[in-house]
Every structure is written in C-alpha cells, then in structure tokens.
C-alpha atoms as a PDB file:
ATOM      1  CA  MET A   1      -0.116   0.032   0.040  1.00  0.00           C
ATOM      2  CA  PRO A   2       1.339   3.466  -0.532  1.00  0.00           C
ATOM      3  CA  ASP A   3       0.290   4.965   2.392  1.00  0.00           C
ATOM      4  CA  ASP A   4       2.313   2.435   4.675  1.00  0.00           C
ATOM      5  CA  GLU A   5       5.187   4.844   4.466  1.00  0.00           C
ATOM      6  CA  ALA A   6       3.186   7.456   6.071  1.00  0.00           C
ATOM      7  CA  LEU A   7       2.386   5.319   8.893  1.00  0.00           C
ATOM      8  CA  GLU A   8       3.929   6.472  12.202  1.00  0.00           C
ATOM      9  CA  THR A   9       6.722   3.998  13.596  1.00  0.00           C
ATOM     10  CA  LEU A  10       6.442   3.052  16.916  1.00  0.00           C
ATOM     11  CA  PRO A  11       9.256   4.072  19.240  1.00  0.00           C
ATOM     12  CA  ASP A  12      12.038   1.490  19.812  1.00  0.00           C
ATOM     13  CA  ASP A  13      11.384   0.724  23.113  1.00  0.00           C
ATOM     14  CA  TRP A  14       8.159  -1.051  22.484  1.00  0.00           C
ATOM     15  CA  GLY A  15      10.276  -3.992  21.853  1.00  0.00           C
ATOM     16  CA  ALA A  16      12.412  -3.604  25.086  1.00  0.00           C
ATOM     17  CA  GLY A  17      12.517  -6.461  27.645  1.00  0.00           C
ATOM     18  CA  TRP A  18      11.936  -6.445  31.306  1.00  0.00           C
ATOM     19  CA  GLU A  19      15.408  -5.188  31.997  1.00  0.00           C
ATOM     20  CA  ALA A  20      15.578  -2.507  29.975  1.00  0.00           C
ATOM     21  CA  HIS A  21      11.693  -1.351  31.509  1.00  0.00           C
ATOM     22  CA  ARG A  22      13.648  -1.586  34.782  1.00  0.00           C
ATOM     23  CA  VAL A  23      16.691   0.337  33.983  1.00  0.00           C
ATOM     24  CA  HIS A  24      14.217   2.984  32.405  1.00  0.00           C
ATOM     25  CA  GLN A  25      11.920   3.431  35.673  1.00  0.00           C
ATOM     26  CA  LEU A  26      14.966   3.655  37.570  1.00  0.00           C
ATOM     27  CA  THR A  27      16.745   6.378  35.558  1.00  0.00           C
ATOM     28  CA  PHE A  28      13.386   8.259  35.455  1.00  0.00           C
ATOM     29  CA  ALA A  29      12.993   7.958  39.147  1.00  0.00           C
ATOM     30  CA  LEU A  30      16.692   9.259  39.594  1.00  0.00           C
ATOM     31  CA  ARG A  31      16.317  12.216  37.410  1.00  0.00           C
ATOM     32  CA  ALA A  32      13.503  13.792  39.174  1.00  0.00           C
ATOM     33  CA  THR A  33      14.041  16.850  41.101  1.00  0.00           C
ATOM     34  CA  PRO A  34      13.487  16.945  44.647  1.00  0.00           C
ATOM     35  CA  ALA A  35      10.626  19.488  43.838  1.00  0.00           C
ATOM     36  CA  GLU A  36       9.234  16.758  41.445  1.00  0.00           C
ATOM     37  CA  ARG A  37       9.749  13.803  44.389  1.00  0.00           C
ATOM     38  CA  LEU A  38       7.908  16.166  46.573  1.00  0.00           C
ATOM     39  CA  ALA A  39       4.926  16.981  44.594  1.00  0.00           C
ATOM     40  CA  TRP A  40       4.588  13.409  43.381  1.00  0.00           C
ATOM     41  CA  LEU A  41       4.735  12.379  47.324  1.00  0.00           C
ATOM     42  CA  GLU A  42       1.904  14.862  47.801  1.00  0.00           C
ATOM     43  CA  GLU A  43      -0.276  13.639  45.094  1.00  0.00           C
ATOM     44  CA  MET A  44      -0.076   9.885  46.425  1.00  0.00           C
ATOM     45  CA  ILE A  45      -0.854  10.963  50.053  1.00  0.00           C
ATOM     46  CA  VAL A  46      -4.152  13.085  48.663  1.00  0.00           C
ATOM     47  CA  LEU A  47      -4.933   9.636  46.577  1.00  0.00           C
ATOM     48  CA  ALA A  48      -4.594   7.515  49.623  1.00  0.00           C
ATOM     49  CA  TYR A  49      -6.750   9.821  51.779  1.00  0.00           C
ATOM     50  CA  GLN A  50      -9.392   9.779  49.228  1.00  0.00           C
ATOM     51  CA  VAL A  51      -9.222   6.174  48.852  1.00  0.00           C
ATOM     52  CA  GLY A  52      -9.387   5.543  52.674  1.00  0.00           C
ATOM     53  CA  ALA A  53      -5.811   3.507  52.597  1.00  0.00           C
ATOM     54  CA  LEU A  54      -4.972   6.208  55.239  1.00  0.00           C
ATOM     55  CA  PRO A  55      -6.027   5.579  58.826  1.00  0.00           C
ATOM     56  CA  LYS A  56      -8.575   7.689  60.402  1.00  0.00           C
ATOM     57  CA  SER A  57      -7.789  10.495  62.698  1.00  0.00           C
ATOM     58  CA  ARG A  58      -8.391   9.911  66.607  1.00  0.00           C
ATOM     59  CA  ASP A  59      -9.465  13.267  67.005  1.00  0.00           C
END
C-alpha cells in the first residue's frame, strides 16, 4: 500500500524487555528533581486519603 510509508513508526522501546523497562523506571525516578519527588509524594498522600488507605485520625 502506498500509505504504508506515511504510517508513524513505533518508538524503539516498544520491543524492550523486562530489564530495559526496569532500568528505564529507575533512571526516570533518579532524574526527578526534589521538587518533583515532593509533588509526587503529596499527590500520592491525597490519593491514599481519598480512597481510605490512610488510618482515620483519632480526634
């Protein structure tokens, strides 16, 4: 088909294995700035509170 050349090619990492995925996750996390890590932590605390995963306060 002539349109085959127009199709977008998938990124090379689609064929990556488990080890490459693990390394990608690790390096992605290590590249985050302290502000990005804090923002992620705050988002996770809000999410945990919303779904009831945090203990209720005793007050």
